[in-house]
Amino acid sequence: MRFIHTSDWHLGKAISGNSRLKEQEQFCEEFINIVNKNNVDMVIIAGDIFDNYEPSLGALKLFYDTVSKLANNGSRCVLIVPGDHDNIDRLTVAECLSKEQGIIVLDNISIIDNKVKYNGFSIVSYKEGCIKLNINNEKVTVIDLYYTYGKNNTSKKTKISDTVEEKFKDDSINIAVGHICINTPENIDSERSPKIGGCIVIDKKDLPNKAQYIALGHLHNAQKVSQNMNAYYSGSPIQYNKESKDKKSLYIVDIEIGSDPQISQIYLKNYKPIEVFECSGIKDALRKCEDNKDRDIWSYFEVKTNEPIESKDIIRMRKLLKGIIEIRPIMVSYNHEEHETDIEEKSMGKLFKSFYKLNNNNEPKGELMDLFLDILSEEGDLNNETN
């Protein structure tokens, strides 16, 4: 039996108010092609389908269209567990469609019927977070780790009981799936703290030993979490963080009863990369905009400067390069040398210039100096009239 493991789609997620639905549509199209090309029998999506509890209509439509094409009228099992960003009602709103096509959302007993046969598989039984399937005449047992170990635990940190292992049988393919956080030093790059948002934390040593493969969601970098077990985070399929440099991927798993699975990592396209440009000055920033103007990217600029970036330069940058998210000036420190000076020997203009430079790391522009001198002149005229 062959299945594919993915997670953390975060459909509807934007970047500083800019929609990323086009990239998400590109991923879904590529994902469907990968599934069909590799003759996958079951699709496992380990949570965070959506980015928030009230996804947009565009995100909802993309999800329903995608899982319907994946299920292909019940020819393929599509198994989903909710993540801490998901609203279970949004995942199961098309309940009739789900029942007809065999789209299974664990953690919601009401839509899972026992002993239902579809074109490509059948549901044998479902009880308390454990579903038993028949796929290609092979018994398959899938346990939802969140439902089984943490759903009703208020502390959000649980210890796995021995009863979990009892659900796995020697005559079955045994798979565990969960949108959870494994308590290891490497569990970084999640969208939220693992102790909030409904995501439980379990110790690595407490993962079920009888599981031949553990499909995890929540962390956005693909990684294996245990040297002794086949426990993997698939990571997000799209780069959602400017600090994330890892290539995005998913896992295809060939598995048989009683044997170690064959696991292949399939890398995805980066549909619209997020890049950070470090610039030595505004001229360098403009040059980088010119060099990258034909690329479809999101970008952040960090520009070293000893004065505020003028609005005309910001406009030029944004005209040259689409998709700029932020232009951040990095003020270069001004090395102020203190000299003992008699204030009376300095003109008011020089005193103002020194004061401005000390506080802003650059000298005041000509317009500002002219304004100051005009005010100073008017003040002098007023004093003369008074005297």
Protein backbone atom coordinates (compact mmCIF):
# COMPACT_ATOMS: atom_id res chain seq x y z
CA MET A 1 0.00 0.00 0.00
CA ARG A 2 1.26 3.47 -0.87
CA PHE A 3 0.29 6.67 0.90
CA ILE A 4 1.41 10.29 0.84
CA HIS A 5 1.96 12.47 3.92
CA THR A 6 1.51 16.24 3.93
CA SER A 7 0.40 18.91 6.41
CA ASP A 8 0.20 22.60 7.28
CA TRP A 9 -1.27 23.94 4.06
CA HIS A 10 -2.56 27.08 5.84
CA LEU A 11 -4.95 27.92 3.03
CA GLY A 12 -5.98 31.57 3.19
CA LYS A 13 -2.75 32.70 4.84
CA ALA A 14 -1.59 36.12 3.64
CA ILE A 15 1.66 38.04 3.94
CA SER A 16 1.25 41.56 5.35
CA GLY A 17 -2.24 41.74 3.88
CA ASN A 18 -1.20 40.37 0.47
CA SER A 19 -3.11 37.27 -0.65
CA ARG A 20 -1.14 34.09 -1.29
CA LEU A 21 -4.09 32.15 -2.67
CA LYS A 22 -2.46 31.93 -6.11
CA GLU A 23 0.57 30.13 -4.64
CA GLN A 24 -1.73 27.85 -2.66
CA GLU A 25 -3.66 27.02 -5.84
CA GLN A 26 -0.37 26.21 -7.58
CA PHE A 27 0.60 23.86 -4.76
CA CYS A 28 -2.77 22.08 -4.78
CA GLU A 29 -2.52 21.55 -8.54
CA GLU A 30 1.02 20.17 -8.22
CA PHE A 31 -0.02 17.99 -5.28
CA ILE A 32 -2.90 16.42 -7.22
CA ASN A 33 -0.52 15.68 -10.10
CA ILE A 34 2.03 14.05 -7.75
CA VAL A 35 -0.67 11.89 -6.16
CA ASN A 36 -2.03 10.74 -9.53
CA LYS A 37 1.39 10.21 -11.11
CA ASN A 38 2.57 8.03 -8.22
CA ASN A 39 -0.61 5.93 -7.96
CA VAL A 40 -1.13 6.81 -4.31
CA ASP A 41 -3.73 4.72 -2.45
CA MET A 42 -4.23 7.01 0.54
CA VAL A 43 -3.62 10.70 1.26
CA ILE A 44 -2.87 11.74 4.86
CA ILE A 45 -3.13 15.45 5.71
CA ALA A 46 -1.85 16.03 9.25
CA GLY A 47 -3.66 19.22 10.20
CA ASP A 48 -3.73 22.99 9.67
CA ILE A 49 -5.53 22.86 6.35
CA PHE A 50 -6.62 26.45 6.94
CA ASP A 51 -4.79 29.35 8.54
CA ASN A 52 -7.61 30.46 10.82
CA TYR A 53 -11.00 29.44 12.19
CA GLU A 54 -12.94 31.52 9.65
CA PRO A 55 -11.25 30.89 6.29
CA SER A 56 -12.20 32.91 3.23
CA LEU A 57 -14.56 31.58 0.59
CA GLY A 58 -11.59 31.25 -1.76
CA ALA A 59 -9.71 29.08 0.74
CA LEU A 60 -12.79 26.94 1.42
CA LYS A 61 -13.45 26.38 -2.28
CA LEU A 62 -9.82 25.48 -2.91
CA PHE A 63 -9.90 22.90 -0.11
CA TYR A 64 -13.14 21.23 -1.24
CA ASP A 65 -12.11 21.18 -4.91
CA THR A 66 -8.71 19.70 -4.04
CA VAL A 67 -9.86 16.91 -1.71
CA SER A 68 -12.67 16.00 -4.14
CA LYS A 69 -10.15 15.55 -6.95
CA LEU A 70 -7.86 13.57 -4.65
CA ALA A 71 -10.67 11.25 -3.54
CA ASN A 72 -11.81 10.74 -7.15
CA ASN A 73 -15.30 9.50 -6.28
CA GLY A 74 -14.11 7.16 -3.56
CA SER A 75 -11.28 5.60 -5.55
CA ARG A 76 -8.73 6.90 -3.05
CA CYS A 77 -8.89 7.32 0.73
CA VAL A 78 -8.31 10.90 1.91
CA LEU A 79 -7.72 11.03 5.66
CA ILE A 80 -7.51 14.36 7.49
CA VAL A 81 -6.86 15.29 11.12
CA PRO A 82 -7.59 18.87 12.26
CA GLY A 83 -4.82 21.18 13.43
CA ASP A 84 -4.82 23.95 16.00
CA HIS A 85 -5.61 26.50 13.26
CA ASP A 86 -8.58 24.51 11.92
CA ASN A 87 -12.27 24.82 12.66
CA ILE A 88 -13.71 21.30 12.53
CA ASP A 89 -17.02 22.70 11.26
CA ARG A 90 -15.26 24.17 8.23
CA LEU A 91 -13.55 20.86 7.46
CA THR A 92 -16.82 18.92 7.60
CA VAL A 93 -19.28 21.46 6.19
CA ALA A 94 -19.61 19.35 3.04
CA GLU A 95 -20.57 16.26 5.05
CA CYS A 96 -22.69 14.70 2.31
CA LEU A 97 -19.89 15.11 -0.20
CA SER A 98 -17.43 13.61 2.27
CA LYS A 99 -19.59 10.55 2.83
CA GLU A 100 -20.10 9.99 -0.87
CA GLN A 101 -16.43 10.28 -1.76
CA GLY A 102 -14.81 8.71 1.29
CA ILE A 103 -13.12 11.82 2.65
CA ILE A 104 -12.46 11.02 6.31
CA VAL A 105 -11.98 13.74 8.92
CA LEU A 106 -10.88 12.11 12.16
CA ASP A 107 -11.89 13.64 15.49
CA ASN A 108 -15.50 13.95 14.34
CA ILE A 109 -17.38 10.71 14.93
CA SER A 110 -20.63 11.91 13.38
CA ILE A 111 -19.38 11.74 9.79
CA ILE A 112 -17.55 8.39 10.02
CA ASP A 113 -19.80 5.41 9.34
CA ASN A 114 -18.69 1.87 10.09
CA LYS A 115 -18.60 -0.80 7.38
CA VAL A 116 -18.85 1.49 4.37
CA LYS A 117 -17.43 0.37 1.03
CA TYR A 118 -16.11 2.80 -1.58
CA ASN A 119 -14.65 2.24 -5.03
CA GLY A 120 -11.06 1.90 -3.83
CA PHE A 121 -11.29 1.07 -0.12
CA SER A 122 -13.66 0.38 2.75
CA ILE A 123 -14.10 1.54 6.34
CA VAL A 124 -14.17 -1.52 8.60
CA SER A 125 -14.69 0.25 11.92
CA TYR A 126 -14.12 3.48 13.82
CA LYS A 127 -13.93 3.94 17.57
CA GLU A 128 -12.26 6.48 19.86
CA GLY A 129 -9.68 7.89 17.49
CA CYS A 130 -8.85 4.57 15.84
CA ILE A 131 -10.05 3.80 12.31
CA LYS A 132 -9.61 0.44 10.61
CA LEU A 133 -9.61 0.35 6.82
CA ASN A 134 -9.26 -2.16 4.03
CA ILE A 135 -7.14 -0.82 1.17
CA ASN A 136 -6.12 -3.10 -1.71
CA ASN A 137 -7.25 -6.08 0.38
CA GLU A 138 -4.83 -5.11 3.16
CA LYS A 139 -5.83 -4.25 6.70
CA VAL A 140 -4.83 -0.72 7.71
CA THR A 141 -5.09 0.73 11.23
CA VAL A 142 -4.73 4.49 11.71
CA ILE A 143 -4.67 6.10 15.16
CA ASP A 144 -5.22 9.82 15.70
CA LEU A 145 -2.67 10.79 18.35
CA TYR A 146 -4.39 14.03 19.30
CA TYR A 147 -7.80 12.42 19.79
CA THR A 148 -6.41 9.43 21.64
CA TYR A 149 -3.94 11.19 23.94
CA GLY A 150 -4.83 14.79 24.35
CA LYS A 151 -8.32 15.82 23.33
CA ASN A 152 -9.70 16.04 26.85
CA ASN A 153 -6.46 16.83 28.63
CA THR A 154 -6.52 20.37 30.01
CA SER A 155 -2.79 20.51 30.71
CA LYS A 156 -1.98 20.05 27.00
CA LYS A 157 0.86 17.73 28.00
CA THR A 158 0.12 14.02 28.13
CA LYS A 159 1.72 10.64 28.56
CA ILE A 160 0.79 7.91 26.12
CA SER A 161 -0.89 4.91 27.70
CA ASP A 162 -0.25 1.28 26.92
CA THR A 163 -3.78 0.92 25.54
CA VAL A 164 -2.64 2.71 22.38
CA GLU A 165 -0.25 -0.08 21.48
CA GLU A 166 -3.07 -2.59 21.91
CA LYS A 167 -4.96 -1.01 19.01
CA PHE A 168 -2.19 -1.97 16.58
CA LYS A 169 -2.37 -5.59 15.40
CA ASP A 170 0.29 -7.82 13.87
CA ASP A 171 -1.89 -8.59 10.84
CA SER A 172 -2.37 -4.90 9.96
CA ILE A 173 -0.46 -1.98 8.51
CA ASN A 174 -0.10 0.34 11.52
CA ILE A 175 0.03 4.12 11.12
CA ALA A 176 -0.25 6.94 13.67
CA VAL A 177 -1.09 10.50 12.69
CA GLY A 178 -1.30 13.67 14.74
CA HIS A 179 -1.06 17.44 14.71
CA ILE A 180 1.10 17.60 17.81
CA CYS A 181 4.41 18.91 19.09
CA ILE A 182 7.11 16.42 20.02
CA ASN A 183 9.04 17.54 23.09
CA THR A 184 12.56 17.75 21.64
CA PRO A 185 15.10 20.61 21.34
CA GLU A 186 14.58 20.60 17.57
CA ASN A 187 10.88 21.49 17.59
CA ILE A 188 11.23 24.98 16.17
CA ASP A 189 9.54 27.01 13.41
CA SER A 190 5.92 26.36 14.33
CA GLU A 191 3.41 29.12 13.74
CA ARG A 192 2.42 29.23 17.40
CA SER A 193 3.72 28.07 20.75
CA PRO A 194 3.05 24.32 21.13
CA LYS A 195 1.39 24.98 24.48
CA ILE A 196 -1.40 27.15 23.08
CA GLY A 197 -3.95 26.94 20.32
CA GLY A 198 -4.99 23.38 21.18
CA CYS A 199 -1.77 21.64 20.14
CA ILE A 200 -0.66 19.03 22.64
CA VAL A 201 2.93 18.23 23.60
CA ILE A 202 4.17 14.67 24.06
CA ASP A 203 7.60 13.28 24.79
CA LYS A 204 9.43 11.55 21.97
CA LYS A 205 9.90 8.45 24.11
CA ASP A 206 6.12 8.12 24.43
CA LEU A 207 5.42 7.70 20.72
CA PRO A 208 3.82 4.31 19.90
CA ASN A 209 6.53 1.76 19.15
CA LYS A 210 4.24 -0.47 17.09
CA ALA A 211 3.48 2.28 14.59
CA GLN A 212 5.31 1.57 11.34
CA TYR A 213 5.02 5.23 10.36
CA ILE A 214 4.01 8.32 12.36
CA ALA A 215 2.71 11.19 10.21
CA LEU A 216 3.05 14.49 12.06
CA GLY A 217 1.93 18.06 11.49
CA HIS A 218 2.54 21.42 13.23
CA LEU A 219 6.20 22.22 12.48
CA HIS A 220 6.89 23.90 9.15
CA ASN A 221 10.30 22.39 8.41
CA ALA A 222 10.35 18.78 7.20
CA GLN A 223 12.24 16.59 9.64
CA LYS A 224 12.56 13.16 11.22
CA VAL A 225 12.07 13.41 14.98
CA SER A 226 13.41 10.03 16.07
CA GLN A 227 16.39 7.94 15.01
CA ASN A 228 14.69 4.75 16.17
CA MET A 229 11.22 5.33 14.73
CA ASN A 230 9.73 6.45 11.44
CA ALA A 231 8.24 9.64 12.86
CA TYR A 232 8.24 12.56 10.42
CA TYR A 233 7.00 16.12 10.15
CA SER A 234 6.23 16.77 6.49
CA GLY A 235 6.50 20.54 6.99
CA SER A 236 4.46 23.17 5.17
CA PRO A 237 4.38 22.97 1.37
CA ILE A 238 4.84 26.74 1.00
CA GLN A 239 7.47 29.07 2.47
CA TYR A 240 5.53 31.10 5.02
CA ASN A 241 8.47 32.50 7.00
CA LYS A 242 11.26 34.71 5.68
CA GLU A 243 13.73 32.97 8.01
CA SER A 244 12.87 29.52 6.64
CA LYS A 245 15.41 28.40 4.03
CA ASP A 246 14.60 24.67 3.84
CA LYS A 247 13.21 23.25 0.61
CA LYS A 248 9.55 22.31 0.95
CA SER A 249 8.56 18.70 0.52
CA LEU A 250 6.22 15.81 1.32
CA TYR A 251 6.68 12.08 1.89
CA ILE A 252 5.57 9.10 -0.18
CA VAL A 253 5.54 5.89 1.84
CA ASP A 254 5.39 2.30 0.55
CA ILE A 255 4.34 0.05 3.39
CA GLU A 256 3.49 -3.61 3.98
CA ILE A 257 2.33 -5.57 7.00
CA GLY A 258 5.15 -6.33 9.44
CA SER A 259 7.99 -4.63 7.54
CA ASP A 260 9.83 -1.33 7.54
CA PRO A 261 8.33 1.17 5.10
CA GLN A 262 10.17 2.64 2.14
CA ILE A 263 10.08 6.43 2.54
CA SER A 264 10.74 8.88 -0.29
CA GLN A 265 10.96 12.65 0.15
CA ILE A 266 9.47 14.56 -2.79
CA TYR A 267 10.52 18.20 -3.13
CA LEU A 268 8.07 20.86 -4.22
CA LYS A 269 8.44 24.00 -6.30
CA ASN A 270 8.89 27.31 -4.52
CA TYR A 271 6.04 29.12 -6.22
CA LYS A 272 6.94 32.59 -4.95
CA PRO A 273 10.07 32.74 -2.77
CA ILE A 274 10.49 35.10 0.17
CA GLU A 275 13.87 36.81 0.03
CA VAL A 276 15.69 39.24 2.30
CA PHE A 277 18.04 41.75 0.65
CA GLU A 278 20.75 43.37 2.77
CA CYS A 279 21.82 46.60 1.08
CA SER A 280 24.81 48.85 1.70
CA GLY A 281 22.77 51.92 0.79
CA ILE A 282 19.83 53.19 -1.22
CA LYS A 283 21.77 52.92 -4.50
CA ASP A 284 22.49 49.27 -3.74
CA ALA A 285 18.80 48.72 -2.91
CA LEU A 286 17.72 50.27 -6.22
CA ARG A 287 20.25 48.13 -8.07
CA LYS A 288 18.90 44.96 -6.42
CA CYS A 289 15.36 45.99 -7.41
CA GLU A 290 16.53 46.42 -11.01
CA ASP A 291 18.35 43.06 -11.01
CA ASN A 292 15.30 41.18 -9.68
CA LYS A 293 12.47 43.05 -11.41
CA ASP A 294 11.57 40.09 -13.65
CA ARG A 295 11.32 37.62 -10.74
CA ASP A 296 8.05 36.76 -9.00
CA ILE A 297 9.09 37.05 -5.34
CA TRP A 298 8.14 38.51 -1.98
CA SER A 299 10.96 40.65 -0.63
CA TYR A 300 12.22 42.40 2.48
CA PHE A 301 14.88 45.11 2.23
CA GLU A 302 17.31 46.10 4.97
CA VAL A 303 19.06 49.28 3.86
CA LYS A 304 22.06 50.76 5.66
CA THR A 305 21.82 54.53 5.70
CA ASN A 306 22.85 57.55 7.74
CA GLU A 307 19.63 59.42 6.98
CA PRO A 308 15.94 58.58 6.54
CA ILE A 309 15.03 56.99 3.21
CA GLU A 310 13.21 59.52 1.06
CA SER A 311 9.71 58.71 -0.17
CA LYS A 312 10.78 59.18 -3.80
CA ASP A 313 13.32 56.35 -3.40
CA ILE A 314 10.72 54.08 -1.81
CA ILE A 315 8.37 54.76 -4.73
CA ARG A 316 11.15 54.00 -7.23
CA MET A 317 11.92 50.70 -5.49
CA ARG A 318 8.28 49.60 -5.46
CA LYS A 319 7.84 50.54 -9.12
CA LEU A 320 10.89 48.51 -10.10
CA LEU A 321 10.11 45.42 -8.03
CA LYS A 322 6.63 44.12 -7.26
CA GLY A 323 5.96 42.26 -4.02
CA ILE A 324 8.10 44.34 -1.66
CA ILE A 325 6.77 43.71 1.85
CA GLU A 326 9.08 45.90 3.91
CA ILE A 327 11.85 48.46 3.43
CA ARG A 328 13.66 48.85 6.72
CA PRO A 329 16.39 51.45 7.19
CA ILE A 330 19.38 50.32 9.24
CA MET A 331 20.77 53.54 10.67
CA VAL A 332 24.56 53.69 10.60
CA SER A 333 25.95 54.88 13.92
CA TYR A 334 27.45 58.36 13.99
CA ASN A 335 30.77 58.51 15.83
CA HIS A 336 30.35 61.70 17.81
CA GLU A 337 33.57 63.24 19.06
CA GLU A 338 33.09 65.51 21.99
CA HIS A 339 35.03 68.76 21.98
CA GLU A 340 35.07 71.38 24.69
CA THR A 341 33.49 74.34 22.98
CA ASP A 342 32.25 77.63 24.28
CA ILE A 343 28.58 77.71 23.31
CA GLU A 344 28.76 81.44 22.80
CA GLU A 345 31.39 80.89 20.09
CA LYS A 346 28.92 78.79 18.06
CA SER A 347 26.10 80.24 16.03
CA MET A 348 22.55 79.02 16.73
CA GLY A 349 22.58 77.32 13.33
CA LYS A 350 25.69 75.30 14.20
CA LEU A 351 24.30 74.44 17.62
CA PHE A 352 21.06 73.17 16.06
CA LYS A 353 23.01 71.16 13.47
CA SER A 354 25.16 69.54 16.19
CA PHE A 355 22.10 68.77 18.33
CA TYR A 356 20.22 67.23 15.39
CA LYS A 357 23.21 65.14 14.32
CA LEU A 358 23.74 63.85 17.85
CA ASN A 359 20.13 62.66 18.13
CA ASN A 360 19.52 61.44 14.56
CA ASN A 361 22.95 60.23 13.42
CA ASN A 362 22.78 62.52 10.39
CA GLU A 363 22.73 66.21 9.59
CA PRO A 364 19.47 68.09 9.01
CA LYS A 365 18.50 68.57 5.38
CA GLY A 366 18.65 71.99 3.79
CA GLU A 367 14.89 72.52 3.95
CA LEU A 368 14.87 71.84 7.69
CA MET A 369 17.83 74.17 8.30
CA ASP A 370 16.14 76.92 6.26
CA LEU A 371 12.95 76.50 8.30
CA PHE A 372 14.91 76.66 11.57
CA LEU A 373 16.81 79.77 10.47
CA ASP A 374 13.57 81.43 9.33
CA ILE A 375 12.01 80.78 12.73
CA LEU A 376 15.18 82.03 14.41
CA SER A 377 15.12 85.17 12.27
CA GLU A 378 11.47 85.84 13.09
CA GLU A 379 12.22 85.33 16.78
CA GLY A 380 15.07 87.81 16.53
CA ASP A 381 12.87 90.39 14.80
CA LEU A 382 10.24 89.95 17.51
CA ASN A 383 12.82 90.47 20.24
CA ASN A 384 14.11 93.61 18.52
CA GLU A 385 10.58 95.02 18.33
CA THR A 386 10.01 94.22 22.01
CA ASN A 387 13.25 95.83 23.04
